[in-house]
Protein backbone atom coordinates (compact mmCIF):
# COMPACT_ATOMS: atom_id res chain seq x y z
CA MET A 1 -45.37 41.01 -16.99
CA HIS A 2 -44.05 40.59 -13.59
CA SER A 3 -45.59 43.76 -11.23
CA ALA A 4 -42.19 43.96 -9.93
CA ILE A 5 -40.77 44.40 -13.58
CA PRO A 6 -41.35 48.40 -14.01
CA HIS A 7 -39.35 48.46 -10.83
CA LEU A 8 -36.42 46.61 -11.94
CA ILE A 9 -36.26 48.23 -14.97
CA GLU A 10 -36.29 51.90 -13.17
CA LEU A 11 -33.70 50.20 -10.31
CA GLN A 12 -31.73 49.45 -13.27
CA ARG A 13 -31.55 52.59 -14.93
CA VAL A 14 -30.68 54.28 -11.64
CA ASP A 15 -27.54 51.68 -11.20
CA HIS A 16 -26.54 52.61 -14.63
CA LEU A 17 -26.49 56.32 -14.05
CA ILE A 18 -24.70 55.39 -10.25
CA VAL A 19 -22.10 53.78 -11.92
CA ALA A 20 -21.42 56.72 -14.54
CA VAL A 21 -21.39 59.17 -11.69
CA ARG A 22 -18.78 57.29 -9.37
CA THR A 23 -16.92 57.03 -12.79
CA GLU A 24 -16.61 60.27 -13.39
CA ILE A 25 -15.81 60.90 -9.37
CA GLU A 26 -13.25 58.69 -9.83
CA THR A 27 -11.82 61.00 -12.08
CA PHE A 28 -11.20 63.36 -10.49
CA PRO A 29 -7.91 62.61 -8.45
CA LYS A 30 -6.28 61.91 -11.54
CA ARG A 31 -7.34 65.16 -12.89
CA VAL A 32 -5.83 66.84 -9.76
CA ARG A 33 -2.55 65.24 -10.34
CA GLU A 34 -2.33 66.07 -14.12
CA ALA A 35 -2.60 69.74 -13.31
CA ASP A 36 -0.47 69.74 -10.56
CA ALA A 37 2.02 67.72 -12.80
CA LYS A 38 1.56 70.71 -15.24
CA LEU A 39 2.75 73.00 -12.23
CA SER A 40 5.39 71.03 -11.15
CA GLY A 41 6.90 70.85 -14.82
CA ALA A 42 6.67 74.70 -15.04
CA ARG A 43 8.41 75.08 -11.78
CA THR A 44 11.04 72.45 -13.05
CA ALA A 45 11.75 74.84 -16.00
CA VAL A 46 11.76 77.80 -13.95
CA ALA A 47 14.53 76.38 -11.85
CA ALA A 48 16.74 74.75 -14.54
CA ALA A 49 16.47 78.09 -16.22
CA ARG A 50 17.76 80.11 -12.74
CA GLU A 51 20.47 77.47 -12.82
CA GLY A 52 21.81 78.14 -16.32
CA LEU A 53 21.68 81.65 -16.05
CA VAL A 54 23.84 81.39 -12.46
CA ASN A 55 26.30 79.11 -14.26
CA SER A 56 26.60 81.50 -17.01
CA GLN A 57 27.12 84.55 -14.57
CA LYS A 58 30.07 82.39 -12.95
CA ASP A 59 31.47 81.65 -16.64
CA ARG A 60 31.51 85.39 -17.25
CA LYS A 61 33.27 86.15 -13.90
CA LYS A 62 35.43 83.70 -14.89
CA PHE A 63 36.22 84.96 -18.19
CA GLU A 64 36.56 88.77 -17.03
CA LEU A 65 38.97 87.63 -14.28
CA ASP A 66 41.14 86.02 -16.92
CA VAL A 67 41.34 88.84 -19.41
CA GLN A 68 42.26 91.04 -16.27
CA GLN A 69 44.96 88.54 -15.35
CA TRP A 70 46.49 88.51 -19.05
CA LYS A 71 46.18 92.36 -19.28
CA ASP A 72 47.81 92.49 -16.14
CA ARG A 73 50.98 90.23 -17.06
CA GLU A 74 51.38 92.27 -20.58
CA LYS A 75 51.47 95.56 -18.52
CA LYS A 76 53.92 93.64 -16.03
CA TYR A 77 56.17 92.57 -19.51
CA ARG A 78 55.95 95.90 -20.82
CA ASP A 79 57.17 97.50 -17.66
CA GLN A 80 60.05 95.42 -17.50
CA SER A 81 61.07 95.72 -21.26
CA GLY A 82 62.54 99.12 -20.46
CA ALA A 83 64.93 97.93 -17.89
CA VAL A 84 66.22 94.86 -19.40
CA LYS A 85 70.23 95.06 -20.51
CA THR A 86 70.75 92.38 -23.29
CA ASN A 87 68.83 91.78 -26.52
CA GLU A 88 68.17 88.29 -25.96
CA ALA A 89 66.37 89.37 -22.69
CA TYR A 90 64.42 91.79 -24.59
CA LYS A 91 63.21 89.60 -27.56
CA ALA A 92 61.80 87.12 -24.86
CA LEU A 93 59.94 89.87 -23.01
CA GLN A 94 58.63 90.57 -26.29
CA HIS A 95 57.35 87.11 -26.83
CA GLU A 96 55.70 86.87 -23.34
CA ILE A 97 54.20 90.56 -24.73
CA ALA A 98 52.79 89.06 -27.88
CA ASN A 99 51.91 85.34 -25.72
CA ALA A 100 49.77 87.64 -23.23
CA GLU A 101 48.12 89.85 -25.68
CA ALA A 102 47.07 86.66 -27.85
CA GLU A 103 45.75 85.44 -24.46
CA VAL A 104 43.61 88.60 -23.92
CA ALA A 105 42.01 88.33 -27.15
CA LYS A 106 41.22 84.96 -26.78
CA ALA A 107 40.11 85.69 -23.17
CA GLU A 108 38.10 88.51 -24.48
CA ASP A 109 36.25 86.40 -27.44
CA ALA A 110 35.30 83.60 -24.76
CA GLN A 111 33.82 86.72 -22.63
CA LEU A 112 31.97 87.90 -25.34
CA GLU A 113 30.48 84.59 -26.06
CA VAL A 114 29.70 83.83 -22.18
CA MET A 115 28.04 87.26 -22.19
CA MET A 116 25.88 86.67 -25.04
CA ALA A 117 24.90 83.03 -23.43
CA SER A 118 24.16 84.92 -20.07
CA GLU A 119 21.73 87.41 -22.11
CA GLU A 120 20.20 84.02 -23.54
CA ALA A 121 19.69 82.66 -19.99
CA GLU A 122 18.11 85.83 -18.83
CA ARG A 123 15.86 85.86 -21.71
CA ARG A 124 15.18 81.91 -21.11
CA VAL A 125 14.57 83.02 -17.30
CA ARG A 126 11.76 85.38 -18.04
CA HIS A 127 10.15 83.21 -20.65
CA ALA A 128 10.15 80.33 -17.83
CA GLU A 129 8.73 82.71 -15.37
CA ALA A 130 6.33 83.91 -17.31
CA ASN A 131 5.42 80.82 -18.15
CA LEU A 132 4.91 79.36 -14.51
CA LYS A 133 2.53 82.38 -13.80
CA GLU A 134 0.37 81.82 -16.62
CA ASP A 135 0.38 77.79 -15.65
CA GLU A 136 -0.21 79.00 -11.92
CA THR A 137 -2.85 81.19 -12.89
CA ALA A 138 -4.54 78.06 -15.22
CA VAL A 139 -4.20 75.16 -13.12
CA THR A 140 -5.75 77.59 -10.07
CA LYS A 141 -8.69 78.31 -12.41
CA GLU A 142 -8.60 74.21 -13.20
CA ARG A 143 -8.46 72.89 -9.54
CA LYS A 144 -11.74 75.39 -8.39
CA GLU A 145 -13.62 73.52 -11.70
CA ILE A 146 -12.63 70.06 -10.59
CA GLU A 147 -13.47 70.93 -7.06
CA SER A 148 -16.80 72.37 -7.78
CA SER A 149 -17.50 69.59 -10.58
CA GLN A 150 -16.53 67.19 -7.91
CA ALA A 151 -18.69 68.01 -5.33
CA GLU A 152 -21.65 68.57 -7.88
CA LYS A 153 -21.20 64.90 -8.66
CA LYS A 154 -21.42 63.76 -5.20
CA GLN A 155 -24.28 65.53 -4.65
CA ARG A 156 -25.60 64.03 -7.89
CA LEU A 157 -24.38 60.70 -6.00
CA GLU A 158 -26.55 61.12 -3.11
CA SER A 159 -29.62 61.79 -4.92
CA LEU A 160 -29.24 58.72 -7.00
CA LEU A 161 -28.66 56.75 -4.01
CA ALA A 162 -31.50 57.73 -2.17
CA GLU A 163 -33.69 57.52 -5.74
CA ARG A 164 -32.25 53.77 -5.65
CA GLU A 165 -33.55 53.12 -2.54
CA ARG A 166 -36.98 54.11 -3.60
CA ALA A 167 -36.61 52.36 -6.51
CA LEU A 168 -35.42 49.42 -4.34
CA ALA A 169 -38.16 49.39 -1.88
CA PRO A 170 -41.34 47.61 -3.81
CA ILE A 171 -39.09 45.01 -4.60
CA PRO A 172 -39.66 41.44 -3.36
CA GLU A 173 -36.66 40.50 -1.17
CA ASP A 174 -35.96 37.25 -3.76
CA LEU A 175 -36.08 39.06 -6.55
CA ARG A 176 -33.70 42.04 -5.45
CA GLU A 177 -31.44 39.03 -4.52
CA LEU A 178 -31.57 37.84 -7.84
CA TYR A 179 -31.09 40.93 -9.57
CA ALA A 180 -28.15 41.73 -7.74
CA ARG A 181 -26.39 38.39 -9.14
CA ILE A 182 -27.14 38.84 -12.33
CA ALA A 183 -26.11 42.06 -12.54
CA LYS A 184 -22.69 41.54 -10.55
CA ARG A 185 -22.16 38.97 -13.72
CA HIS A 186 -23.02 41.50 -16.62
CA HIS A 187 -21.34 44.87 -15.77
CA GLY A 188 -24.34 45.88 -13.71
CA SER A 189 -27.31 44.83 -16.12
CA GLY A 190 -29.79 42.51 -14.65
CA LEU A 191 -32.35 42.94 -16.98
CA ALA A 192 -32.64 42.74 -21.05
CA GLU A 193 -35.55 43.72 -23.36
CA ALA A 194 -36.92 41.19 -25.73
CA ARG A 195 -37.73 42.97 -28.66
CA ASP A 196 -38.34 41.88 -32.08
CA GLY A 197 -37.89 38.20 -31.23
CA GLN A 198 -34.36 38.92 -29.65
CA CYS A 199 -32.47 39.11 -26.38
CA ARG A 200 -31.27 42.88 -26.69
CA GLY A 201 -28.56 41.52 -24.11
CA CYS A 202 -27.06 39.06 -25.83
CA GLY A 203 -28.78 39.20 -29.46
CA MET A 204 -30.10 35.69 -28.87
CA ARG A 205 -33.59 34.85 -29.97
CA VAL A 206 -36.02 34.45 -27.54
CA LEU A 207 -39.16 31.67 -28.05
CA PRO A 208 -42.46 32.90 -29.00
CA HIS A 209 -44.03 31.34 -25.95
CA THR A 210 -41.78 33.32 -24.06
CA LEU A 211 -42.47 36.57 -25.73
CA GLN A 212 -46.29 35.87 -25.30
CA GLU A 213 -46.07 35.06 -21.43
CA LEU A 214 -43.96 38.28 -21.32
CA ARG A 215 -47.21 40.23 -23.05
CA ARG A 216 -49.55 38.74 -20.74
CA ASP A 217 -50.65 40.94 -17.75
CA PRO A 218 -51.30 39.98 -15.32
CA ASN A 219 -48.25 37.77 -14.96
CA GLU A 220 -46.15 36.87 -11.74
CA GLU A 221 -43.58 34.94 -13.49
CA ILE A 222 -40.07 36.10 -13.98
CA TYR A 223 -38.73 35.00 -17.33
CA ARG A 224 -34.69 34.90 -18.36
CA CYS A 225 -32.97 34.76 -21.36
CA GLU A 226 -32.04 30.95 -21.95
CA SER A 227 -28.47 32.42 -23.54
CA CYS A 228 -27.40 34.89 -20.95
CA GLY A 229 -29.65 34.46 -18.21
CA LEU A 230 -30.63 38.24 -18.06
CA ILE A 231 -34.17 38.80 -16.77
CA LEU A 232 -36.31 39.59 -19.45
CA TYR A 233 -38.81 42.03 -20.16
CA THR A 234 -40.89 43.72 -23.25
CA LEU A 235 -42.49 47.06 -23.88
CA GLU A 236 -44.29 45.74 -27.23
CA PRO A 237 -47.72 46.28 -27.19
CA ILE A 238 -49.80 43.40 -26.27
CA PRO A 239 -51.91 42.42 -29.44
CA VAL A 240 -55.48 43.11 -28.76
CA PRO A 241 -58.04 40.50 -30.19
CA GLY A 242 -60.27 41.63 -33.52
CA THR A 243 -57.50 43.88 -34.68
CA ALA A 244 -56.04 41.75 -37.43
CA SER A 245 -54.45 43.42 -40.54
CA GLY A 246 -56.02 44.09 -43.70
CA SER A 247 -54.56 41.12 -45.27
CA GLU A 248 -55.29 38.92 -42.44
CA ARG A 249 -59.12 40.05 -42.83
CA ALA A 250 -58.86 39.30 -46.22
CA ALA A 251 -57.64 35.87 -46.00
CA SER A 252 -60.23 34.89 -43.01
CA SER A 253 -62.75 36.50 -45.19
CA ALA A 254 -62.09 34.16 -48.48
CA ALA A 255 -61.96 31.08 -46.25
CA ASN A 256 -65.47 32.07 -44.59
CA HIS A 257 -66.69 31.98 -48.05
CA SER A 258 -64.85 29.06 -49.53
């Protein structure tokens, strides 16, 4: 195996960690926006509830005024009824009094409904304000956690970038460039392990000769998968001469005695 392979393996490990940490860092602005959106929604709910209460209070005052106006008319007609001279005029005033009484009753019914609606509007305002206070506390806590985690991840990224420089230092320039080109095409991976006769990057078969060369040490050749192009390495043990299995030794003994 090429002497730079262990350094390339370490470089790839660090690169994968860097990608993972950067991906996490990129999520923080979205998480902050989502937290702010939650708070914005709660504030909008409070504003809507307060507007509903104001409108309800306006309706309540309107019907209170209507009730009073019809009561004033009824009183005026009753006061006039004592001064009329003819039966027709008296009947006309009685009709107006009855109509005013009916309108008073209608206005009072409407006033009662508006009062109930106003009480419900006040309840909604209290509920929305309580929710807003709860959300403000939760979002403040969440933002602090996000900021703390973001600072931690940025510190971790700086540490990994320094670690990457250390892993990169012993690798020859030509192999750095080769690794970078391959990794760019393979989502950050420049190497793949050859194990059990397969490239673990793409799953295709690796030639026995290539596997044998990968196990040979020292070996300053770089071998790549013929299918996906990833740089191959192996962690499988190098066969040691004279350690054949029991069945192989039995077969060899039988051949020697034949």
